[in-house]
């Protein structure tokens, strides 16, 4: 991580509306936050996440899987694009593609992602729906360090969200998203300011 006198460099990858990105952009406006978004990448064009970056004056790039002959080739190109901005941390903020081995080799241990459930419960794309179907009383969101699995990396932070009797998938997911944005901004800032270590799957801040 950078010295305390220079903010950590964040590259954020998005696929959609970019509400998590916006939470980070807003947090970075405070000089005490300790981080700066230096680039935003996406896997498709014409999304609100890219427009948010444009409005904030942040450079953007797009790498679509369909533009490359293989997923591995896309992974290499994405890795090179991210590396060009020399990030200290990479944040997958609603990025709907799994990064591959080249990316993990380059940025493993310093790439984080969120999941709308309390890992290891309900991995995959439908965490809120799965929690509701199972009948849990509490679900939430997880911030984790990305590894080669699906939502399996070491856990940085978790935030609990109660499941209400009248919840449907949309209402539950919206409340999870609110908790997710706060958790992401708080903990990325902490990672940037004090650093962290990972030992035996345990993520500890260097307080």
N, C-alpha and C. Protein backbone atom coordinates (compact mmCIF):
# COMPACT_ATOMS: atom_id res chain seq x y z
N UNK A 1 0.84 -1.19 0.00
CA UNK A 1 0.00 0.00 0.00
C UNK A 1 0.88 1.24 0.00
N UNK A 2 0.35 2.39 -0.47
CA UNK A 2 1.16 3.59 -0.53
C UNK A 2 1.41 4.17 0.84
N UNK A 3 2.32 5.14 0.91
CA UNK A 3 2.56 5.80 2.18
C UNK A 3 1.34 6.60 2.57
N UNK A 4 1.29 6.97 3.85
CA UNK A 4 0.13 7.69 4.35
C UNK A 4 -0.02 9.05 3.69
N UNK A 5 1.04 9.57 3.06
CA UNK A 5 0.97 10.89 2.44
C UNK A 5 0.35 10.85 1.05
N UNK A 6 0.22 9.68 0.45
CA UNK A 6 -0.37 9.59 -0.88
C UNK A 6 -1.53 8.62 -0.85
N UNK A 7 -2.67 8.98 -1.47
CA UNK A 7 -3.84 8.10 -1.42
C UNK A 7 -3.61 6.81 -2.21
N UNK A 8 -4.24 5.75 -1.74
CA UNK A 8 -4.20 4.48 -2.47
C UNK A 8 -4.92 4.65 -3.80
N UNK A 9 -4.38 4.00 -4.82
CA UNK A 9 -4.94 4.08 -6.16
C UNK A 9 -5.95 2.95 -6.36
N UNK A 10 -7.19 3.30 -6.67
CA UNK A 10 -8.25 2.32 -6.87
C UNK A 10 -8.62 2.25 -8.35
N UNK A 11 -8.67 1.05 -8.89
CA UNK A 11 -9.32 0.81 -10.18
C UNK A 11 -10.60 0.05 -9.88
N UNK A 12 -11.71 0.56 -10.37
CA UNK A 12 -13.02 -0.02 -10.09
C UNK A 12 -13.59 -0.59 -11.38
N UNK A 13 -14.08 -1.83 -11.33
CA UNK A 13 -14.69 -2.48 -12.49
C UNK A 13 -16.20 -2.60 -12.26
N UNK A 14 -16.97 -2.22 -13.29
CA UNK A 14 -18.42 -2.17 -13.17
C UNK A 14 -19.07 -2.84 -14.38
N UNK A 15 -20.35 -3.18 -14.21
CA UNK A 15 -21.13 -3.76 -15.32
C UNK A 15 -22.48 -3.11 -15.51
N UNK A 16 -22.88 -2.24 -14.57
CA UNK A 16 -24.24 -1.71 -14.65
C UNK A 16 -24.36 -0.29 -14.15
N UNK A 17 -25.26 -0.08 -13.19
CA UNK A 17 -25.62 1.28 -12.78
C UNK A 17 -24.53 1.99 -11.98
N UNK A 18 -23.65 1.24 -11.35
CA UNK A 18 -22.51 1.86 -10.69
C UNK A 18 -22.81 2.51 -9.36
N UNK A 19 -23.82 2.02 -8.62
CA UNK A 19 -24.12 2.63 -7.33
C UNK A 19 -23.00 2.38 -6.31
N UNK A 20 -22.37 1.22 -6.36
CA UNK A 20 -21.22 0.98 -5.48
C UNK A 20 -20.05 1.88 -5.87
N UNK A 21 -19.83 2.05 -7.16
CA UNK A 21 -18.81 2.98 -7.63
C UNK A 21 -19.09 4.38 -7.08
N UNK A 22 -20.35 4.81 -7.15
CA UNK A 22 -20.69 6.15 -6.66
C UNK A 22 -20.38 6.30 -5.19
N UNK A 23 -20.64 5.25 -4.42
CA UNK A 23 -20.31 5.30 -2.99
C UNK A 23 -18.82 5.53 -2.79
N UNK A 24 -18.00 4.89 -3.61
CA UNK A 24 -16.55 5.08 -3.51
C UNK A 24 -16.14 6.47 -3.99
N UNK A 25 -16.72 6.94 -5.09
CA UNK A 25 -16.40 8.27 -5.58
C UNK A 25 -16.75 9.33 -4.53
N UNK A 26 -17.90 9.17 -3.91
CA UNK A 26 -18.31 10.12 -2.87
C UNK A 26 -17.35 10.08 -1.68
N UNK A 27 -16.97 8.88 -1.27
CA UNK A 27 -16.05 8.75 -0.13
C UNK A 27 -14.70 9.37 -0.44
N UNK A 28 -14.24 9.21 -1.67
CA UNK A 28 -12.92 9.71 -2.05
C UNK A 28 -12.85 11.23 -2.10
N UNK A 29 -13.99 11.90 -2.06
CA UNK A 29 -13.97 13.36 -2.03
C UNK A 29 -13.39 13.89 -0.73
N UNK A 30 -13.41 13.09 0.31
CA UNK A 30 -12.81 13.48 1.59
C UNK A 30 -11.32 13.14 1.55
N UNK A 31 -10.43 14.13 1.65
CA UNK A 31 -9.00 13.84 1.60
C UNK A 31 -8.54 12.86 2.68
N UNK A 32 -9.28 12.77 3.78
CA UNK A 32 -8.90 11.86 4.85
C UNK A 32 -9.26 10.41 4.55
N UNK A 33 -10.00 10.19 3.47
CA UNK A 33 -10.42 8.81 3.16
C UNK A 33 -9.24 7.92 2.84
N UNK A 34 -8.24 8.47 2.16
CA UNK A 34 -7.02 7.71 1.92
C UNK A 34 -6.96 6.96 0.61
N UNK A 35 -7.90 7.22 -0.29
CA UNK A 35 -7.91 6.52 -1.58
C UNK A 35 -8.44 7.44 -2.66
N UNK A 36 -8.12 7.09 -3.89
CA UNK A 36 -8.57 7.84 -5.06
C UNK A 36 -8.90 6.86 -6.18
N UNK A 37 -10.06 7.03 -6.81
CA UNK A 37 -10.41 6.21 -7.97
C UNK A 37 -9.66 6.77 -9.18
N UNK A 38 -8.72 5.99 -9.72
CA UNK A 38 -7.89 6.48 -10.84
C UNK A 38 -8.39 5.98 -12.19
N UNK A 39 -9.27 4.99 -12.20
CA UNK A 39 -9.84 4.49 -13.46
C UNK A 39 -11.05 3.63 -13.16
N UNK A 40 -11.95 3.59 -14.13
CA UNK A 40 -13.13 2.72 -14.06
C UNK A 40 -13.18 1.91 -15.34
N UNK A 41 -13.23 0.60 -15.20
CA UNK A 41 -13.35 -0.29 -16.34
C UNK A 41 -14.69 -0.98 -16.36
N UNK A 42 -15.11 -1.42 -17.55
CA UNK A 42 -16.40 -2.09 -17.70
C UNK A 42 -16.29 -3.20 -18.72
N UNK A 43 -17.28 -4.11 -18.67
CA UNK A 43 -17.33 -5.20 -19.64
C UNK A 43 -18.38 -4.95 -20.71
N UNK A 44 -18.95 -3.75 -20.73
CA UNK A 44 -19.88 -3.37 -21.80
C UNK A 44 -20.00 -1.86 -21.87
N UNK A 45 -20.42 -1.39 -23.03
CA UNK A 45 -20.55 0.05 -23.28
C UNK A 45 -21.91 0.56 -22.79
N UNK A 46 -22.04 1.87 -22.76
CA UNK A 46 -23.32 2.55 -22.56
C UNK A 46 -24.02 2.12 -21.28
N UNK A 47 -23.30 2.19 -20.17
CA UNK A 47 -23.89 1.89 -18.87
C UNK A 47 -23.72 3.10 -17.96
N UNK A 48 -24.58 3.18 -16.97
CA UNK A 48 -24.56 4.33 -16.07
C UNK A 48 -23.27 4.39 -15.26
N UNK A 49 -22.68 3.23 -14.97
CA UNK A 49 -21.42 3.23 -14.23
C UNK A 49 -20.34 4.02 -14.95
N UNK A 50 -20.24 3.88 -16.26
CA UNK A 50 -19.27 4.64 -17.04
C UNK A 50 -19.62 6.13 -17.05
N UNK A 51 -20.91 6.43 -17.12
CA UNK A 51 -21.31 7.84 -17.10
C UNK A 51 -21.00 8.48 -15.74
N UNK A 52 -21.14 7.73 -14.68
CA UNK A 52 -20.76 8.25 -13.35
C UNK A 52 -19.28 8.60 -13.33
N UNK A 53 -18.46 7.72 -13.88
CA UNK A 53 -17.02 7.98 -13.93
C UNK A 53 -16.72 9.21 -14.79
N UNK A 54 -17.39 9.32 -15.93
CA UNK A 54 -17.18 10.48 -16.79
C UNK A 54 -17.53 11.78 -16.06
N UNK A 55 -18.64 11.77 -15.35
CA UNK A 55 -19.05 12.99 -14.63
C UNK A 55 -18.04 13.36 -13.54
N UNK A 56 -17.36 12.34 -12.99
CA UNK A 56 -16.37 12.58 -11.95
C UNK A 56 -14.98 12.88 -12.52
N UNK A 57 -14.86 12.86 -13.85
CA UNK A 57 -13.57 13.12 -14.47
C UNK A 57 -12.58 11.98 -14.34
N UNK A 58 -13.09 10.76 -14.18
CA UNK A 58 -12.23 9.59 -14.00
C UNK A 58 -12.08 8.87 -15.35
N UNK A 59 -10.86 8.51 -15.76
CA UNK A 59 -10.67 7.78 -17.02
C UNK A 59 -11.41 6.45 -17.02
N UNK A 60 -11.89 6.03 -18.20
CA UNK A 60 -12.63 4.77 -18.32
C UNK A 60 -12.07 3.93 -19.45
N UNK A 61 -12.37 2.64 -19.39
CA UNK A 61 -12.06 1.73 -20.49
C UNK A 61 -13.09 0.61 -20.50
N UNK A 62 -13.29 0.01 -21.67
CA UNK A 62 -14.25 -1.08 -21.82
C UNK A 62 -13.56 -2.25 -22.50
N UNK A 63 -13.70 -3.44 -21.90
CA UNK A 63 -13.18 -4.68 -22.49
C UNK A 63 -14.31 -5.70 -22.48
N UNK A 64 -14.92 -5.91 -23.66
CA UNK A 64 -16.04 -6.84 -23.77
C UNK A 64 -15.53 -8.24 -24.11
N UNK A 65 -16.04 -9.23 -23.44
CA UNK A 65 -15.62 -10.61 -23.68
C UNK A 65 -15.82 -10.99 -25.14
N UNK A 66 -16.92 -10.56 -25.74
CA UNK A 66 -17.24 -10.98 -27.11
C UNK A 66 -16.28 -10.43 -28.15
N UNK A 67 -15.47 -9.45 -27.77
CA UNK A 67 -14.53 -8.86 -28.71
C UNK A 67 -13.23 -9.65 -28.82
N UNK A 68 -13.12 -10.73 -28.04
CA UNK A 68 -11.87 -11.49 -28.01
C UNK A 68 -12.15 -12.95 -28.32
N UNK A 69 -11.15 -13.62 -28.88
CA UNK A 69 -11.36 -14.97 -29.39
C UNK A 69 -11.55 -16.00 -28.30
N UNK A 70 -11.12 -15.67 -27.09
CA UNK A 70 -11.30 -16.61 -25.98
C UNK A 70 -11.42 -15.83 -24.67
N UNK A 71 -11.95 -16.51 -23.68
CA UNK A 71 -12.07 -15.89 -22.35
C UNK A 71 -10.68 -15.61 -21.77
N UNK A 72 -9.72 -16.50 -22.03
CA UNK A 72 -8.36 -16.29 -21.54
C UNK A 72 -7.74 -15.05 -22.17
N UNK A 73 -7.98 -14.84 -23.45
CA UNK A 73 -7.46 -13.66 -24.12
C UNK A 73 -8.06 -12.39 -23.53
N UNK A 74 -9.37 -12.42 -23.30
CA UNK A 74 -10.02 -11.28 -22.65
C UNK A 74 -9.42 -11.02 -21.28
N UNK A 75 -9.17 -12.07 -20.53
CA UNK A 75 -8.60 -11.92 -19.19
C UNK A 75 -7.23 -11.24 -19.25
N UNK A 76 -6.42 -11.63 -20.23
CA UNK A 76 -5.10 -11.02 -20.38
C UNK A 76 -5.21 -9.54 -20.76
N UNK A 77 -6.13 -9.22 -21.65
CA UNK A 77 -6.30 -7.83 -22.07
C UNK A 77 -6.83 -6.98 -20.92
N UNK A 78 -7.79 -7.52 -20.18
CA UNK A 78 -8.32 -6.80 -19.02
C UNK A 78 -7.22 -6.56 -17.99
N UNK A 79 -6.42 -7.57 -17.75
CA UNK A 79 -5.33 -7.45 -16.78
C UNK A 79 -4.36 -6.35 -17.19
N UNK A 80 -4.01 -6.31 -18.47
CA UNK A 80 -3.09 -5.29 -18.96
C UNK A 80 -3.69 -3.90 -18.82
N UNK A 81 -4.98 -3.77 -19.11
CA UNK A 81 -5.63 -2.46 -19.00
C UNK A 81 -5.64 -1.97 -17.57
N UNK A 82 -5.97 -2.85 -16.63
CA UNK A 82 -5.98 -2.47 -15.22
C UNK A 82 -4.57 -2.13 -14.75
N UNK A 83 -3.60 -2.95 -15.14
CA UNK A 83 -2.21 -2.73 -14.71
C UNK A 83 -1.68 -1.39 -15.18
N UNK A 84 -2.18 -0.90 -16.30
CA UNK A 84 -1.72 0.38 -16.82
C UNK A 84 -1.99 1.55 -15.89
N UNK A 85 -2.92 1.38 -14.95
CA UNK A 85 -3.24 2.45 -14.00
C UNK A 85 -2.57 2.23 -12.64
N UNK A 86 -1.73 1.22 -12.54
CA UNK A 86 -0.92 0.95 -11.35
C UNK A 86 -1.74 1.00 -10.05
N UNK A 87 -2.77 0.14 -9.96
CA UNK A 87 -3.62 0.20 -8.77
C UNK A 87 -2.97 -0.42 -7.54
N UNK A 88 -3.33 0.14 -6.40
CA UNK A 88 -3.02 -0.50 -5.13
C UNK A 88 -4.11 -1.50 -4.75
N UNK A 89 -5.35 -1.16 -5.09
CA UNK A 89 -6.49 -2.04 -4.88
C UNK A 89 -7.36 -2.03 -6.12
N UNK A 90 -7.93 -3.18 -6.45
CA UNK A 90 -8.93 -3.29 -7.51
C UNK A 90 -10.25 -3.66 -6.86
N UNK A 91 -11.29 -2.94 -7.20
CA UNK A 91 -12.61 -3.18 -6.62
C UNK A 91 -13.57 -3.62 -7.72
N UNK A 92 -14.11 -4.82 -7.57
CA UNK A 92 -15.16 -5.30 -8.48
C UNK A 92 -16.49 -4.83 -7.90
N UNK A 93 -17.04 -3.78 -8.49
CA UNK A 93 -18.24 -3.13 -7.94
C UNK A 93 -19.43 -3.43 -8.84
N UNK A 94 -20.04 -4.58 -8.61
CA UNK A 94 -21.10 -5.01 -9.51
C UNK A 94 -20.58 -5.47 -10.85
N UNK A 95 -19.35 -5.94 -10.89
CA UNK A 95 -18.76 -6.45 -12.13
C UNK A 95 -19.23 -7.88 -12.31
N UNK A 96 -19.93 -8.15 -13.41
CA UNK A 96 -20.65 -9.41 -13.56
C UNK A 96 -19.89 -10.47 -14.35
N UNK A 97 -18.59 -10.33 -14.44
CA UNK A 97 -17.75 -11.35 -15.07
C UNK A 97 -16.75 -11.89 -14.06
N UNK A 98 -16.48 -13.19 -14.15
CA UNK A 98 -15.45 -13.77 -13.31
C UNK A 98 -14.09 -13.47 -13.93
N UNK A 99 -13.20 -12.88 -13.15
CA UNK A 99 -11.84 -12.67 -13.65
C UNK A 99 -11.11 -14.01 -13.66
N UNK A 100 -10.11 -14.11 -14.53
CA UNK A 100 -9.43 -15.38 -14.74
C UNK A 100 -8.07 -15.46 -14.06
N UNK A 101 -7.33 -16.52 -14.36
CA UNK A 101 -6.06 -16.78 -13.66
C UNK A 101 -5.00 -15.72 -13.90
N UNK A 102 -4.96 -15.14 -15.09
CA UNK A 102 -3.97 -14.09 -15.34
C UNK A 102 -4.24 -12.88 -14.45
N UNK A 103 -5.50 -12.51 -14.34
CA UNK A 103 -5.88 -11.38 -13.50
C UNK A 103 -5.55 -11.66 -12.04
N UNK A 104 -5.89 -12.86 -11.59
CA UNK A 104 -5.64 -13.20 -10.19
C UNK A 104 -4.15 -13.27 -9.89
N UNK A 105 -3.38 -13.74 -10.84
CA UNK A 105 -1.93 -13.76 -10.65
C UNK A 105 -1.38 -12.35 -10.49
N UNK A 106 -1.92 -11.41 -11.25
CA UNK A 106 -1.43 -10.03 -11.20
C UNK A 106 -1.94 -9.28 -9.98
N UNK A 107 -3.19 -9.50 -9.62
CA UNK A 107 -3.82 -8.66 -8.59
C UNK A 107 -4.38 -9.46 -7.42
N UNK A 108 -4.03 -10.73 -7.33
CA UNK A 108 -4.49 -11.55 -6.21
C UNK A 108 -4.03 -10.97 -4.89
N UNK A 109 -4.92 -11.02 -3.91
CA UNK A 109 -4.60 -10.48 -2.60
C UNK A 109 -4.88 -9.00 -2.48
N UNK A 110 -5.20 -8.33 -3.60
CA UNK A 110 -5.54 -6.90 -3.55
C UNK A 110 -6.71 -6.56 -4.47
N UNK A 111 -7.55 -7.55 -4.73
CA UNK A 111 -8.80 -7.34 -5.44
C UNK A 111 -9.95 -7.75 -4.53
N UNK A 112 -10.94 -6.88 -4.38
CA UNK A 112 -12.07 -7.18 -3.51
C UNK A 112 -13.37 -7.13 -4.29
N UNK A 113 -14.35 -7.85 -3.78
CA UNK A 113 -15.66 -7.92 -4.40
C UNK A 113 -16.70 -8.01 -3.30
N UNK A 114 -17.94 -7.72 -3.63
CA UNK A 114 -19.03 -7.87 -2.67
C UNK A 114 -19.97 -8.96 -3.13
N UNK A 115 -20.68 -9.53 -2.15
CA UNK A 115 -21.68 -10.56 -2.44
C UNK A 115 -22.91 -10.27 -1.58
N UNK A 116 -24.13 -10.31 -2.15
CA UNK A 116 -25.34 -9.96 -1.40
C UNK A 116 -25.88 -11.11 -0.55
N UNK A 117 -25.03 -11.66 0.28
CA UNK A 117 -25.40 -12.67 1.27
C UNK A 117 -24.27 -12.76 2.28
N UNK A 118 -24.51 -13.47 3.37
CA UNK A 118 -23.48 -13.66 4.38
C UNK A 118 -22.72 -14.94 4.03
N UNK A 119 -21.61 -14.78 3.34
CA UNK A 119 -20.81 -15.95 2.93
C UNK A 119 -20.38 -16.74 4.16
N UNK A 120 -20.30 -18.08 4.03
CA UNK A 120 -20.38 -18.86 2.80
C UNK A 120 -21.79 -19.27 2.37
N UNK A 121 -22.81 -18.71 2.99
CA UNK A 121 -24.18 -19.04 2.58
C UNK A 121 -24.53 -18.41 1.24
N UNK A 122 -25.31 -19.11 0.45
CA UNK A 122 -25.95 -18.61 -0.75
C UNK A 122 -24.98 -17.95 -1.74
N UNK A 123 -23.99 -18.67 -2.20
CA UNK A 123 -23.09 -18.12 -3.22
C UNK A 123 -23.79 -18.01 -4.57
N UNK A 124 -23.15 -17.29 -5.50
CA UNK A 124 -23.69 -17.21 -6.85
C UNK A 124 -24.55 -15.98 -7.07
N UNK A 125 -25.30 -16.01 -8.16
CA UNK A 125 -25.98 -14.82 -8.67
C UNK A 125 -27.27 -14.47 -7.93
N UNK A 126 -27.85 -15.41 -7.19
CA UNK A 126 -29.20 -15.19 -6.66
C UNK A 126 -29.24 -15.24 -5.14
N UNK A 127 -28.26 -14.63 -4.48
CA UNK A 127 -28.17 -14.66 -3.02
C UNK A 127 -29.43 -14.20 -2.31
N UNK A 128 -30.00 -13.02 -2.62
CA UNK A 128 -31.21 -12.59 -1.92
C UNK A 128 -32.39 -13.54 -2.13
N UNK A 129 -32.57 -14.01 -3.36
CA UNK A 129 -33.67 -14.94 -3.64
C UNK A 129 -33.47 -16.25 -2.89
N UNK A 130 -32.24 -16.74 -2.86
CA UNK A 130 -31.97 -18.01 -2.17
C UNK A 130 -32.21 -17.86 -0.67
N UNK A 131 -31.80 -16.72 -0.10
CA UNK A 131 -32.02 -16.50 1.34
C UNK A 131 -33.50 -16.45 1.65
N UNK A 132 -34.26 -15.77 0.80
CA UNK A 132 -35.71 -15.65 1.02
C UNK A 132 -36.37 -17.02 0.90
N UNK A 133 -35.98 -17.80 -0.10
CA UNK A 133 -36.57 -19.12 -0.30
C UNK A 133 -36.24 -20.06 0.87
N UNK A 134 -35.03 -19.94 1.40
CA UNK A 134 -34.62 -20.81 2.51
C UNK A 134 -35.33 -20.47 3.81
N UNK A 135 -35.76 -19.21 3.92
CA UNK A 135 -36.48 -18.80 5.12
C UNK A 135 -35.61 -18.29 6.24
N UNK A 136 -34.41 -17.82 5.94
CA UNK A 136 -33.56 -17.26 6.99
C UNK A 136 -34.17 -15.98 7.53
N UNK A 137 -33.85 -15.66 8.77
CA UNK A 137 -34.34 -14.44 9.40
C UNK A 137 -33.36 -13.29 9.25
N UNK A 138 -32.10 -13.63 8.99
CA UNK A 138 -31.06 -12.62 8.80
C UNK A 138 -30.21 -13.02 7.60
N UNK A 139 -29.99 -12.08 6.71
CA UNK A 139 -29.03 -12.27 5.64
C UNK A 139 -28.13 -11.04 5.64
N UNK A 140 -27.58 -10.64 4.50
CA UNK A 140 -26.72 -9.47 4.52
C UNK A 140 -25.81 -9.43 3.32
N UNK A 141 -24.60 -8.93 3.54
CA UNK A 141 -23.64 -8.79 2.45
C UNK A 141 -22.24 -9.05 2.98
N UNK A 142 -21.36 -9.39 2.06
CA UNK A 142 -19.99 -9.77 2.40
C UNK A 142 -19.03 -9.06 1.46
N UNK A 143 -17.96 -8.53 2.03
CA UNK A 143 -16.83 -8.02 1.25
C UNK A 143 -15.70 -9.02 1.40
N UNK A 144 -15.16 -9.47 0.26
CA UNK A 144 -14.14 -10.52 0.32
C UNK A 144 -13.02 -10.25 -0.67
N UNK A 145 -11.88 -10.86 -0.41
CA UNK A 145 -10.74 -10.78 -1.32
C UNK A 145 -10.92 -11.86 -2.37
N UNK A 146 -10.85 -11.48 -3.63
CA UNK A 146 -11.16 -12.38 -4.73
C UNK A 146 -10.09 -13.47 -4.84
N UNK A 147 -10.57 -14.71 -5.01
CA UNK A 147 -9.70 -15.84 -5.33
C UNK A 147 -10.25 -16.52 -6.58
N UNK A 148 -9.81 -17.74 -6.85
CA UNK A 148 -10.21 -18.43 -8.08
C UNK A 148 -11.62 -19.00 -8.02
N UNK A 149 -12.25 -19.01 -6.86
CA UNK A 149 -13.59 -19.57 -6.73
C UNK A 149 -14.68 -18.55 -6.95
N UNK A 150 -15.92 -18.95 -6.72
CA UNK A 150 -17.08 -18.08 -6.83
C UNK A 150 -17.53 -17.67 -5.44
N UNK A 151 -17.24 -16.42 -5.06
CA UNK A 151 -17.61 -15.89 -3.75
C UNK A 151 -16.98 -16.68 -2.61
N UNK A 152 -15.76 -17.14 -2.80
CA UNK A 152 -15.12 -18.02 -1.82
C UNK A 152 -13.91 -17.39 -1.14
N UNK A 153 -13.55 -16.18 -1.48
CA UNK A 153 -12.30 -15.61 -0.97
C UNK A 153 -12.36 -15.22 0.49
N UNK A 154 -11.20 -14.93 1.09
CA UNK A 154 -11.14 -14.50 2.49
C UNK A 154 -12.03 -13.28 2.75
N UNK A 155 -12.73 -13.33 3.86
CA UNK A 155 -13.74 -12.32 4.17
C UNK A 155 -13.10 -11.11 4.86
N UNK A 156 -13.36 -9.93 4.28
CA UNK A 156 -12.89 -8.67 4.86
C UNK A 156 -13.89 -8.13 5.86
N UNK A 157 -15.17 -8.15 5.49
CA UNK A 157 -16.21 -7.59 6.36
C UNK A 157 -17.55 -8.18 5.97
N UNK A 158 -18.49 -8.14 6.91
CA UNK A 158 -19.86 -8.55 6.65
C UNK A 158 -20.81 -7.61 7.37
N UNK A 159 -21.99 -7.44 6.78
CA UNK A 159 -23.02 -6.61 7.38
C UNK A 159 -24.34 -7.36 7.34
N UNK A 160 -25.01 -7.43 8.48
CA UNK A 160 -26.26 -8.20 8.59
C UNK A 160 -27.46 -7.34 8.21
N UNK A 161 -28.42 -7.97 7.54
CA UNK A 161 -29.67 -7.32 7.15
C UNK A 161 -30.82 -8.24 7.53
N UNK A 162 -31.77 -7.79 8.36
CA UNK A 162 -32.89 -8.65 8.73
C UNK A 162 -33.81 -8.91 7.54
N UNK A 163 -34.40 -10.10 7.52
CA UNK A 163 -35.40 -10.45 6.51
C UNK A 163 -36.78 -10.21 7.13
N UNK A 164 -37.55 -9.33 6.51
CA UNK A 164 -38.86 -8.98 7.05
C UNK A 164 -39.94 -9.93 6.52
N UNK A 165 -41.00 -10.06 7.27
CA UNK A 165 -42.06 -11.00 6.90
C UNK A 165 -42.68 -10.68 5.54
N UNK A 166 -42.73 -9.39 5.19
CA UNK A 166 -43.37 -9.02 3.92
C UNK A 166 -42.36 -8.77 2.81
N UNK A 167 -41.12 -9.18 3.00
CA UNK A 167 -40.11 -8.98 1.96
C UNK A 167 -40.41 -9.81 0.72
N UNK A 168 -40.14 -9.22 -0.44
CA UNK A 168 -39.96 -10.00 -1.66
C UNK A 168 -38.50 -9.85 -2.07
N UNK A 169 -38.12 -10.46 -3.16
CA UNK A 169 -36.71 -10.44 -3.55
C UNK A 169 -36.23 -9.01 -3.77
N UNK A 170 -37.05 -8.20 -4.43
CA UNK A 170 -36.63 -6.83 -4.74
C UNK A 170 -36.44 -5.99 -3.48
N UNK A 171 -37.39 -6.05 -2.57
CA UNK A 171 -37.29 -5.23 -1.36
C UNK A 171 -36.11 -5.66 -0.50
N UNK A 172 -35.90 -6.96 -0.39
CA UNK A 172 -34.77 -7.45 0.39
C UNK A 172 -33.45 -7.04 -0.26
N UNK A 173 -33.37 -7.21 -1.56
CA UNK A 173 -32.12 -6.89 -2.26
C UNK A 173 -31.81 -5.40 -2.15
N UNK A 174 -32.83 -4.55 -2.21
CA UNK A 174 -32.58 -3.11 -2.10
C UNK A 174 -31.99 -2.76 -0.74
N UNK A 175 -32.49 -3.37 0.34
CA UNK A 175 -31.92 -3.08 1.66
C UNK A 175 -30.52 -3.64 1.79
N UNK A 176 -30.27 -4.79 1.16
CA UNK A 176 -28.91 -5.33 1.16
C UNK A 176 -27.97 -4.39 0.43
N UNK A 177 -28.42 -3.82 -0.68
CA UNK A 177 -27.57 -2.90 -1.44
C UNK A 177 -27.18 -1.68 -0.62
N UNK A 178 -28.10 -1.17 0.17
CA UNK A 178 -27.78 -0.01 1.03
C UNK A 178 -26.68 -0.38 2.01
N UNK A 179 -26.81 -1.54 2.65
CA UNK A 179 -25.78 -2.00 3.58
C UNK A 179 -24.47 -2.27 2.86
N UNK A 180 -24.57 -2.79 1.65
CA UNK A 180 -23.39 -3.14 0.86
C UNK A 180 -22.57 -1.90 0.51
N UNK A 181 -23.24 -0.84 0.11
CA UNK A 181 -22.53 0.38 -0.25
C UNK A 181 -21.76 0.95 0.94
N UNK A 182 -22.41 0.98 2.10
CA UNK A 182 -21.74 1.50 3.30
C UNK A 182 -20.56 0.62 3.69
N UNK A 183 -20.77 -0.69 3.68
CA UNK A 183 -19.70 -1.63 4.04
C UNK A 183 -18.52 -1.49 3.10
N UNK A 184 -18.79 -1.38 1.80
CA UNK A 184 -17.72 -1.27 0.82
C UNK A 184 -16.91 -0.01 1.03
N UNK A 185 -17.59 1.13 1.12
CA UNK A 185 -16.87 2.39 1.28
C UNK A 185 -16.08 2.42 2.57
N UNK A 186 -16.67 1.99 3.67
CA UNK A 186 -15.97 2.02 4.95
C UNK A 186 -14.71 1.16 4.93
N UNK A 187 -14.82 -0.03 4.39
CA UNK A 187 -13.71 -0.98 4.50
C UNK A 187 -12.65 -0.78 3.43
N UNK A 188 -13.02 -0.33 2.24
CA UNK A 188 -11.98 0.00 1.26
C UNK A 188 -11.15 1.16 1.78
N UNK A 189 -11.79 2.14 2.40
CA UNK A 189 -11.03 3.23 3.00
C UNK A 189 -10.09 2.76 4.08
N UNK A 190 -10.56 1.84 4.90
CA UNK A 190 -9.70 1.31 5.96
C UNK A 190 -8.54 0.51 5.38
N UNK A 191 -8.81 -0.29 4.38
CA UNK A 191 -7.73 -1.03 3.70
C UNK A 191 -6.69 -0.08 3.12
N UNK A 192 -7.17 1.03 2.58
CA UNK A 192 -6.27 2.00 1.97
C UNK A 192 -5.43 2.72 3.02
N UNK A 193 -6.05 3.08 4.13
CA UNK A 193 -5.35 3.90 5.13
C UNK A 193 -4.38 3.12 5.98
N UNK A 194 -4.76 1.91 6.38
CA UNK A 194 -3.91 1.20 7.35
C UNK A 194 -3.29 -0.07 6.78
N UNK A 195 -3.75 -0.53 5.62
CA UNK A 195 -3.23 -1.77 5.06
C UNK A 195 -3.86 -2.99 5.72
N UNK A 196 -3.53 -4.17 5.20
CA UNK A 196 -4.12 -5.39 5.72
C UNK A 196 -3.22 -6.57 5.40
N UNK A 197 -3.43 -7.64 6.13
CA UNK A 197 -2.73 -8.90 5.86
C UNK A 197 -3.76 -10.02 5.80
N UNK A 198 -3.38 -11.09 5.10
CA UNK A 198 -4.24 -12.28 5.00
C UNK A 198 -3.42 -13.48 5.45
N UNK A 199 -3.86 -14.12 6.52
CA UNK A 199 -3.19 -15.31 7.05
C UNK A 199 -4.23 -16.36 7.36
N UNK A 200 -4.09 -17.55 6.76
CA UNK A 200 -5.04 -18.65 7.02
C UNK A 200 -6.48 -18.18 6.83
N UNK A 201 -6.73 -17.48 5.72
CA UNK A 201 -8.05 -16.98 5.34
C UNK A 201 -8.54 -15.84 6.23
N UNK A 202 -7.78 -15.41 7.18
CA UNK A 202 -8.20 -14.32 8.07
C UNK A 202 -7.61 -13.00 7.60
N UNK A 203 -8.50 -12.05 7.31
CA UNK A 203 -8.07 -10.73 6.87
C UNK A 203 -8.01 -9.82 8.11
N UNK A 204 -6.85 -9.26 8.34
CA UNK A 204 -6.66 -8.38 9.51
C UNK A 204 -6.13 -7.04 9.06
N UNK A 205 -6.69 -5.98 9.60
CA UNK A 205 -6.22 -4.64 9.31
C UNK A 205 -4.97 -4.35 10.15
N UNK A 206 -4.06 -3.58 9.59
CA UNK A 206 -2.80 -3.28 10.25
C UNK A 206 -2.96 -2.06 11.16
N UNK A 207 -3.75 -2.23 12.19
CA UNK A 207 -4.00 -1.11 13.09
C UNK A 207 -2.81 -0.93 14.04
